[in-house]
N, C-alpha and C. Protein backbone atom coordinates (compact mmCIF):
# COMPACT_ATOMS: atom_id res chain seq x y z
N MET A 1 94.41 -52.20 136.20
CA MET A 1 95.75 -51.68 136.35
C MET A 1 95.84 -50.93 137.68
N ALA A 2 96.79 -51.30 138.51
CA ALA A 2 96.95 -50.68 139.82
C ALA A 2 97.61 -49.31 139.68
N VAL A 3 97.12 -48.35 140.41
CA VAL A 3 97.69 -47.01 140.40
C VAL A 3 98.71 -46.93 141.54
N GLU A 4 99.91 -46.44 141.21
CA GLU A 4 100.95 -46.32 142.23
C GLU A 4 100.61 -45.19 143.19
N ASN A 5 100.89 -45.41 144.43
CA ASN A 5 100.67 -44.42 145.46
C ASN A 5 101.99 -43.70 145.72
N GLN A 6 101.99 -42.37 145.69
CA GLN A 6 103.21 -41.62 145.92
C GLN A 6 103.83 -41.96 147.26
N ASN A 7 103.04 -42.34 148.23
CA ASN A 7 103.57 -42.65 149.55
C ASN A 7 104.36 -43.95 149.56
N ASP A 8 104.26 -44.75 148.48
CA ASP A 8 104.98 -46.02 148.42
C ASP A 8 106.40 -45.86 147.89
N TYR A 9 106.74 -44.68 147.35
CA TYR A 9 108.08 -44.48 146.82
C TYR A 9 109.09 -44.45 147.95
N LEU A 10 110.23 -45.03 147.71
CA LEU A 10 111.26 -45.11 148.74
C LEU A 10 112.22 -43.93 148.63
N THR A 11 112.67 -43.45 149.77
CA THR A 11 113.66 -42.38 149.79
C THR A 11 115.04 -43.00 149.97
N GLY A 12 116.05 -42.32 149.48
CA GLY A 12 117.40 -42.87 149.51
C GLY A 12 118.19 -42.52 150.75
N PHE A 13 117.56 -41.92 151.76
CA PHE A 13 118.33 -41.51 152.94
C PHE A 13 118.05 -42.35 154.18
N TYR A 14 117.10 -43.26 154.11
CA TYR A 14 116.70 -44.03 155.30
C TYR A 14 117.15 -45.47 155.10
N TYR A 15 118.39 -45.76 155.54
CA TYR A 15 118.97 -47.09 155.33
C TYR A 15 119.96 -47.40 156.44
N ASN A 16 120.37 -48.65 156.51
CA ASN A 16 121.48 -49.02 157.39
C ASN A 16 122.34 -50.05 156.69
N LEU A 17 123.53 -50.21 157.19
CA LEU A 17 124.49 -51.17 156.65
C LEU A 17 125.02 -51.98 157.81
N SER A 18 125.14 -53.29 157.61
CA SER A 18 125.69 -54.13 158.67
C SER A 18 126.57 -55.21 158.06
N PHE A 19 127.50 -55.66 158.84
CA PHE A 19 128.33 -56.80 158.48
C PHE A 19 128.56 -57.60 159.73
N LYS A 20 128.98 -58.83 159.57
CA LYS A 20 129.12 -59.72 160.74
C LYS A 20 130.04 -59.07 161.77
N GLY A 21 129.52 -58.87 162.94
CA GLY A 21 130.31 -58.32 164.01
C GLY A 21 129.96 -56.88 164.36
N ALA A 22 129.30 -56.15 163.45
CA ALA A 22 128.99 -54.76 163.77
C ALA A 22 128.04 -54.14 162.76
N ASP A 23 127.32 -53.13 163.22
CA ASP A 23 126.57 -52.25 162.33
C ASP A 23 127.43 -51.01 162.15
N ALA A 24 127.27 -50.34 161.04
CA ALA A 24 128.06 -49.14 160.79
C ALA A 24 127.17 -48.12 160.11
N ALA A 25 127.32 -46.86 160.49
CA ALA A 25 126.54 -45.78 159.89
C ALA A 25 127.38 -45.11 158.82
N PHE A 26 126.77 -44.87 157.66
CA PHE A 26 127.45 -44.22 156.55
C PHE A 26 126.57 -43.13 155.98
N GLN A 27 127.18 -42.05 155.53
CA GLN A 27 126.41 -40.96 154.93
C GLN A 27 126.09 -41.27 153.48
N GLU A 28 126.86 -42.18 152.87
CA GLU A 28 126.63 -42.49 151.46
C GLU A 28 127.05 -43.93 151.17
N VAL A 29 126.21 -44.63 150.42
CA VAL A 29 126.51 -45.97 149.92
C VAL A 29 126.26 -45.92 148.41
N SER A 30 127.27 -46.28 147.62
CA SER A 30 127.08 -46.26 146.17
C SER A 30 127.71 -47.50 145.55
N GLY A 31 127.41 -47.72 144.29
CA GLY A 31 127.96 -48.86 143.58
C GLY A 31 127.04 -50.07 143.56
N ILE A 32 125.78 -49.90 143.95
CA ILE A 32 124.85 -51.03 143.91
C ILE A 32 124.37 -51.15 142.47
N SER A 33 125.04 -51.98 141.71
CA SER A 33 124.66 -52.15 140.31
C SER A 33 125.17 -53.48 139.77
N LYS A 34 124.47 -53.98 138.77
CA LYS A 34 124.87 -55.18 138.03
C LYS A 34 124.72 -54.88 136.56
N GLU A 35 125.55 -55.51 135.78
CA GLU A 35 125.49 -55.30 134.34
C GLU A 35 125.88 -56.59 133.64
N MET A 36 125.13 -56.92 132.59
CA MET A 36 125.46 -58.11 131.81
C MET A 36 126.26 -57.67 130.59
N SER A 37 127.39 -58.29 130.38
CA SER A 37 128.21 -57.99 129.21
C SER A 37 127.64 -58.73 128.00
N ILE A 38 127.99 -58.21 126.84
CA ILE A 38 127.56 -58.87 125.62
C ILE A 38 128.77 -59.07 124.71
N GLU A 39 128.64 -60.02 123.83
CA GLU A 39 129.66 -60.28 122.83
C GLU A 39 128.99 -60.16 121.46
N GLU A 40 129.61 -59.42 120.57
CA GLU A 40 129.05 -59.28 119.24
C GLU A 40 129.67 -60.31 118.31
N VAL A 41 128.83 -61.05 117.59
CA VAL A 41 129.28 -62.09 116.69
C VAL A 41 128.71 -61.79 115.30
N VAL A 42 129.59 -61.80 114.32
CA VAL A 42 129.17 -61.55 112.94
C VAL A 42 128.66 -62.86 112.36
N GLY A 43 127.47 -62.80 111.77
CA GLY A 43 126.90 -63.99 111.13
C GLY A 43 127.56 -64.24 109.78
N GLY A 44 127.91 -65.47 109.51
CA GLY A 44 128.55 -65.81 108.24
C GLY A 44 127.65 -65.51 107.05
N GLY A 45 128.14 -64.68 106.15
CA GLY A 45 127.38 -64.35 104.95
C GLY A 45 126.34 -63.27 105.14
N GLU A 46 126.02 -62.90 106.35
CA GLU A 46 125.02 -61.86 106.63
C GLU A 46 125.75 -60.65 107.20
N ASN A 47 125.96 -59.64 106.41
CA ASN A 47 126.77 -58.49 106.81
C ASN A 47 125.96 -57.30 107.31
N ARG A 48 124.64 -57.40 107.32
CA ARG A 48 123.82 -56.26 107.72
C ARG A 48 123.75 -56.06 109.23
N PHE A 49 124.01 -57.08 110.00
CA PHE A 49 123.91 -56.95 111.44
C PHE A 49 124.85 -57.92 112.14
N LYS A 50 124.97 -57.72 113.45
CA LYS A 50 125.77 -58.61 114.29
C LYS A 50 124.84 -59.18 115.35
N TYR A 51 125.08 -60.43 115.73
CA TYR A 51 124.35 -61.02 116.84
C TYR A 51 124.96 -60.49 118.13
N ARG A 52 124.12 -60.11 119.08
CA ARG A 52 124.59 -59.62 120.37
C ARG A 52 124.20 -60.66 121.41
N LEU A 53 125.21 -61.40 121.86
CA LEU A 53 124.97 -62.53 122.76
C LEU A 53 125.40 -62.19 124.18
N PRO A 54 124.60 -62.60 125.17
CA PRO A 54 124.96 -62.33 126.58
C PRO A 54 126.16 -63.17 127.00
N THR A 55 126.99 -62.59 127.85
CA THR A 55 128.12 -63.33 128.42
C THR A 55 127.98 -63.31 129.94
N THR A 56 128.92 -62.78 130.65
CA THR A 56 128.88 -62.78 132.12
C THR A 56 128.34 -61.47 132.66
N SER A 57 127.92 -61.50 133.90
CA SER A 57 127.50 -60.26 134.56
C SER A 57 128.66 -59.75 135.42
N SER A 58 128.66 -58.46 135.64
CA SER A 58 129.71 -57.86 136.46
C SER A 58 129.08 -56.79 137.36
N SER A 59 129.83 -56.42 138.39
CA SER A 59 129.36 -55.42 139.35
C SER A 59 130.49 -54.44 139.64
N GLN A 60 130.10 -53.26 140.13
CA GLN A 60 131.08 -52.28 140.59
C GLN A 60 131.42 -52.60 142.04
N ASN A 61 132.48 -51.97 142.55
CA ASN A 61 132.77 -52.07 143.97
C ASN A 61 131.70 -51.31 144.75
N LEU A 62 131.42 -51.77 145.95
CA LEU A 62 130.52 -51.08 146.86
C LEU A 62 131.34 -49.99 147.55
N VAL A 63 130.90 -48.74 147.47
CA VAL A 63 131.64 -47.62 148.03
C VAL A 63 130.86 -47.06 149.22
N LEU A 64 131.54 -46.97 150.36
CA LEU A 64 130.93 -46.50 151.61
C LEU A 64 131.65 -45.23 152.05
N LYS A 65 130.89 -44.17 152.38
CA LYS A 65 131.50 -42.92 152.83
C LYS A 65 130.85 -42.48 154.14
N ARG A 66 131.70 -41.97 155.03
CA ARG A 66 131.20 -41.49 156.32
C ARG A 66 132.22 -40.56 156.95
N ALA A 67 131.80 -39.86 158.00
CA ALA A 67 132.73 -39.05 158.78
C ALA A 67 133.72 -39.99 159.46
N MET A 68 134.96 -39.56 159.57
CA MET A 68 135.98 -40.43 160.17
C MET A 68 135.60 -40.78 161.60
N VAL A 69 135.89 -42.02 161.95
CA VAL A 69 135.63 -42.51 163.30
C VAL A 69 136.95 -42.96 163.91
N PRO A 70 136.99 -43.18 165.21
CA PRO A 70 138.24 -43.64 165.83
C PRO A 70 138.76 -44.94 165.19
N ALA A 71 140.05 -45.10 165.17
CA ALA A 71 140.68 -46.26 164.55
C ALA A 71 140.34 -47.56 165.29
N SER A 72 139.72 -47.47 166.46
CA SER A 72 139.35 -48.67 167.21
C SER A 72 138.10 -49.34 166.66
N SER A 73 137.48 -48.76 165.65
CA SER A 73 136.28 -49.32 165.02
C SER A 73 136.58 -50.71 164.47
N LYS A 74 135.64 -51.65 164.64
CA LYS A 74 135.81 -53.01 164.12
C LYS A 74 135.95 -53.00 162.61
N LEU A 75 135.19 -52.11 161.95
CA LEU A 75 135.26 -52.02 160.50
C LEU A 75 136.64 -51.53 160.05
N ILE A 76 137.16 -50.50 160.70
CA ILE A 76 138.47 -49.97 160.33
C ILE A 76 139.56 -51.00 160.61
N LYS A 77 139.41 -51.76 161.68
CA LYS A 77 140.39 -52.83 161.96
C LYS A 77 140.38 -53.87 160.85
N TRP A 78 139.19 -54.27 160.39
CA TRP A 78 139.07 -55.24 159.30
C TRP A 78 139.70 -54.69 158.02
N VAL A 79 139.42 -53.42 157.72
CA VAL A 79 139.99 -52.78 156.53
C VAL A 79 141.51 -52.77 156.62
N ALA A 80 142.03 -52.32 157.75
CA ALA A 80 143.48 -52.23 157.92
C ALA A 80 144.13 -53.62 157.85
N ASP A 81 143.55 -54.60 158.54
CA ASP A 81 144.11 -55.96 158.51
C ASP A 81 144.16 -56.51 157.09
N THR A 82 143.11 -56.24 156.31
CA THR A 82 143.04 -56.77 154.95
C THR A 82 144.00 -56.06 154.01
N ILE A 83 143.97 -54.74 154.00
CA ILE A 83 144.77 -53.98 153.04
C ILE A 83 146.24 -53.95 153.42
N ASN A 84 146.55 -53.83 154.71
CA ASN A 84 147.94 -53.71 155.15
C ASN A 84 148.71 -55.02 155.12
N SER A 85 148.02 -56.14 155.05
CA SER A 85 148.72 -57.43 155.13
C SER A 85 149.47 -57.77 153.84
N GLY A 86 149.12 -57.12 152.73
CA GLY A 86 149.81 -57.40 151.47
C GLY A 86 149.70 -58.86 151.06
N LEU A 87 148.59 -59.47 151.34
CA LEU A 87 148.31 -60.89 151.05
C LEU A 87 149.16 -61.85 151.87
N ALA A 88 149.87 -61.33 152.89
CA ALA A 88 150.62 -62.21 153.78
C ALA A 88 149.66 -62.98 154.69
N LYS A 89 148.51 -62.38 154.96
CA LYS A 89 147.47 -63.04 155.76
C LYS A 89 146.30 -63.37 154.85
N LYS A 90 145.55 -64.36 155.24
CA LYS A 90 144.36 -64.75 154.50
C LYS A 90 143.31 -63.63 154.59
N ILE A 91 142.72 -63.28 153.46
CA ILE A 91 141.63 -62.29 153.45
C ILE A 91 140.41 -62.93 154.09
N LYS A 92 139.76 -62.19 154.97
CA LYS A 92 138.57 -62.68 155.66
C LYS A 92 137.33 -61.96 155.13
N PRO A 93 136.71 -62.51 154.08
CA PRO A 93 135.53 -61.84 153.52
C PRO A 93 134.34 -61.93 154.46
N LYS A 94 133.45 -60.98 154.33
CA LYS A 94 132.23 -60.94 155.14
C LYS A 94 131.05 -60.64 154.23
N ASP A 95 129.89 -61.10 154.61
CA ASP A 95 128.67 -60.70 153.93
C ASP A 95 128.26 -59.34 154.48
N VAL A 96 127.96 -58.42 153.59
CA VAL A 96 127.55 -57.07 153.97
C VAL A 96 126.10 -56.88 153.54
N THR A 97 125.29 -56.37 154.44
CA THR A 97 123.87 -56.18 154.17
C THR A 97 123.53 -54.70 154.21
N VAL A 98 122.82 -54.24 153.18
CA VAL A 98 122.31 -52.87 153.13
C VAL A 98 120.79 -52.98 153.10
N ARG A 99 120.13 -52.31 154.04
CA ARG A 99 118.67 -52.31 154.11
C ARG A 99 118.14 -50.91 153.87
N LEU A 100 117.20 -50.79 152.95
CA LEU A 100 116.52 -49.53 152.68
C LEU A 100 115.14 -49.63 153.32
N PHE A 101 114.79 -48.62 154.14
CA PHE A 101 113.54 -48.66 154.90
C PHE A 101 112.46 -47.81 154.25
N ASN A 102 111.20 -48.21 154.48
CA ASN A 102 110.08 -47.40 154.03
C ASN A 102 109.77 -46.34 155.08
N SER A 103 108.74 -45.56 154.85
CA SER A 103 108.40 -44.46 155.76
C SER A 103 107.96 -44.94 157.14
N LYS A 104 107.60 -46.21 157.26
CA LYS A 104 107.18 -46.76 158.55
C LYS A 104 108.35 -47.41 159.30
N GLY A 105 109.56 -47.36 158.71
CA GLY A 105 110.74 -47.92 159.37
C GLY A 105 110.92 -49.41 159.17
N LYS A 106 110.19 -49.98 158.23
CA LYS A 106 110.31 -51.41 157.94
C LYS A 106 111.18 -51.60 156.69
N PRO A 107 112.01 -52.65 156.66
CA PRO A 107 112.85 -52.87 155.47
C PRO A 107 112.00 -53.07 154.23
N ALA A 108 112.26 -52.26 153.20
CA ALA A 108 111.52 -52.35 151.95
C ALA A 108 112.35 -53.05 150.88
N ARG A 109 113.65 -52.94 150.98
CA ARG A 109 114.56 -53.59 150.03
C ARG A 109 115.84 -53.91 150.78
N THR A 110 116.37 -55.08 150.55
CA THR A 110 117.61 -55.51 151.20
C THR A 110 118.55 -56.08 150.16
N TRP A 111 119.79 -55.63 150.20
CA TRP A 111 120.83 -56.16 149.33
C TRP A 111 121.86 -56.87 150.21
N VAL A 112 122.24 -58.08 149.84
CA VAL A 112 123.27 -58.82 150.56
C VAL A 112 124.45 -59.01 149.61
N PHE A 113 125.58 -58.46 149.97
CA PHE A 113 126.80 -58.54 149.18
C PHE A 113 127.65 -59.67 149.76
N HIS A 114 127.80 -60.73 148.99
CA HIS A 114 128.46 -61.94 149.47
C HIS A 114 129.97 -61.88 149.29
N ASN A 115 130.69 -62.36 150.31
CA ASN A 115 132.15 -62.46 150.30
C ASN A 115 132.82 -61.12 150.00
N ALA A 116 132.36 -60.07 150.66
CA ALA A 116 132.93 -58.74 150.46
C ALA A 116 134.23 -58.60 151.26
N TYR A 117 135.15 -57.84 150.69
CA TYR A 117 136.41 -57.54 151.39
C TYR A 117 136.91 -56.17 150.91
N PRO A 118 137.62 -55.46 151.78
CA PRO A 118 138.09 -54.11 151.45
C PRO A 118 139.20 -54.14 150.39
N VAL A 119 139.10 -53.23 149.42
CA VAL A 119 140.13 -53.10 148.40
C VAL A 119 140.70 -51.68 148.34
N LYS A 120 140.04 -50.73 149.00
CA LYS A 120 140.54 -49.36 148.96
C LYS A 120 140.06 -48.61 150.19
N TYR A 121 140.94 -47.77 150.73
CA TYR A 121 140.61 -46.88 151.84
C TYR A 121 141.16 -45.50 151.48
N ALA A 122 140.35 -44.47 151.62
CA ALA A 122 140.80 -43.12 151.29
C ALA A 122 140.18 -42.13 152.26
N VAL A 123 140.86 -41.01 152.44
CA VAL A 123 140.38 -39.92 153.29
C VAL A 123 140.25 -38.69 152.43
N SER A 124 139.19 -37.91 152.67
CA SER A 124 138.99 -36.68 151.90
C SER A 124 140.16 -35.73 152.13
N ASP A 125 140.29 -34.76 151.24
CA ASP A 125 141.35 -33.76 151.38
C ASP A 125 141.17 -33.01 152.69
N LEU A 126 142.28 -32.72 153.35
CA LEU A 126 142.27 -31.95 154.59
C LEU A 126 142.60 -30.50 154.22
N LYS A 127 141.71 -29.58 154.56
CA LYS A 127 141.88 -28.18 154.17
C LYS A 127 141.71 -27.28 155.39
N SER A 128 142.74 -26.53 155.70
CA SER A 128 142.70 -25.68 156.89
C SER A 128 141.73 -24.51 156.76
N GLN A 129 141.32 -24.17 155.54
CA GLN A 129 140.46 -23.02 155.35
C GLN A 129 138.98 -23.38 155.31
N GLU A 130 138.66 -24.65 155.46
CA GLU A 130 137.26 -25.07 155.44
C GLU A 130 136.90 -25.75 156.74
N ASN A 131 135.65 -25.61 157.14
CA ASN A 131 135.17 -26.19 158.38
C ASN A 131 134.24 -27.36 158.04
N GLN A 132 134.83 -28.46 157.55
CA GLN A 132 134.04 -29.63 157.18
C GLN A 132 134.57 -30.86 157.89
N LEU A 133 133.71 -31.85 158.00
CA LEU A 133 134.13 -33.12 158.58
C LEU A 133 135.11 -33.82 157.64
N ALA A 134 136.06 -34.52 158.22
CA ALA A 134 136.94 -35.38 157.42
C ALA A 134 136.14 -36.63 157.06
N ILE A 135 136.12 -36.98 155.79
CA ILE A 135 135.33 -38.10 155.30
C ILE A 135 136.25 -39.25 154.91
N GLU A 136 135.92 -40.44 155.38
CA GLU A 136 136.67 -41.62 154.95
C GLU A 136 135.81 -42.42 154.00
N SER A 137 136.47 -43.02 153.03
CA SER A 137 135.80 -43.80 151.99
C SER A 137 136.40 -45.20 151.98
N ILE A 138 135.53 -46.19 151.95
CA ILE A 138 135.95 -47.59 151.94
C ILE A 138 135.31 -48.26 150.74
N GLU A 139 136.11 -48.93 149.92
CA GLU A 139 135.58 -49.67 148.78
C GLU A 139 135.69 -51.16 149.08
N LEU A 140 134.59 -51.86 148.80
CA LEU A 140 134.54 -53.30 149.01
C LEU A 140 134.30 -54.01 147.68
N ALA A 141 135.12 -54.99 147.39
CA ALA A 141 134.85 -55.89 146.26
C ALA A 141 134.01 -57.03 146.83
N TYR A 142 133.25 -57.69 145.99
CA TYR A 142 132.42 -58.80 146.45
C TYR A 142 132.19 -59.75 145.29
N THR A 143 131.75 -60.95 145.60
CA THR A 143 131.53 -61.96 144.57
C THR A 143 130.26 -61.68 143.79
N TYR A 144 129.16 -61.47 144.49
CA TYR A 144 127.87 -61.17 143.86
C TYR A 144 126.96 -60.61 144.94
N PHE A 145 125.80 -60.05 144.51
CA PHE A 145 124.84 -59.63 145.51
C PHE A 145 123.45 -60.13 145.14
N ASP A 146 122.66 -60.31 146.18
CA ASP A 146 121.26 -60.71 146.05
C ASP A 146 120.39 -59.55 146.49
N VAL A 147 119.22 -59.43 145.86
CA VAL A 147 118.20 -58.49 146.30
C VAL A 147 117.15 -59.31 146.99
N VAL A 148 116.93 -59.02 148.28
CA VAL A 148 116.00 -59.82 149.07
C VAL A 148 114.69 -59.08 149.18
């Protein structure tokens, strides 16, 4: 039985995110999850239990948060073009890649989110009494993701 080395554990702060056309820095990436739904079926004549059968898998939206950047950003232009068009224009999905690095700076885990497109854009509350960065949040829907 192999003993795990504490130095092999990955930290959640050393990562990057990229999409076709640009890399983007984010302070937080969340929503990396998959879940398989189940359907409960009652067996005929057997009332003590229900069969729990797998159905489809589902995922949450990928949520990206960072300090606000100038509106000239390629990512912000893509978000604005997608959300502001009101489906008058064709949505242009992109594959989004998130890489988590080990302590030596080499990719240890990579997630590729296929056919991602923006579905929500939000800005943190603006408060005159606090000295904090304005944070923008972008939510991306996607078809599925692979772990590479």
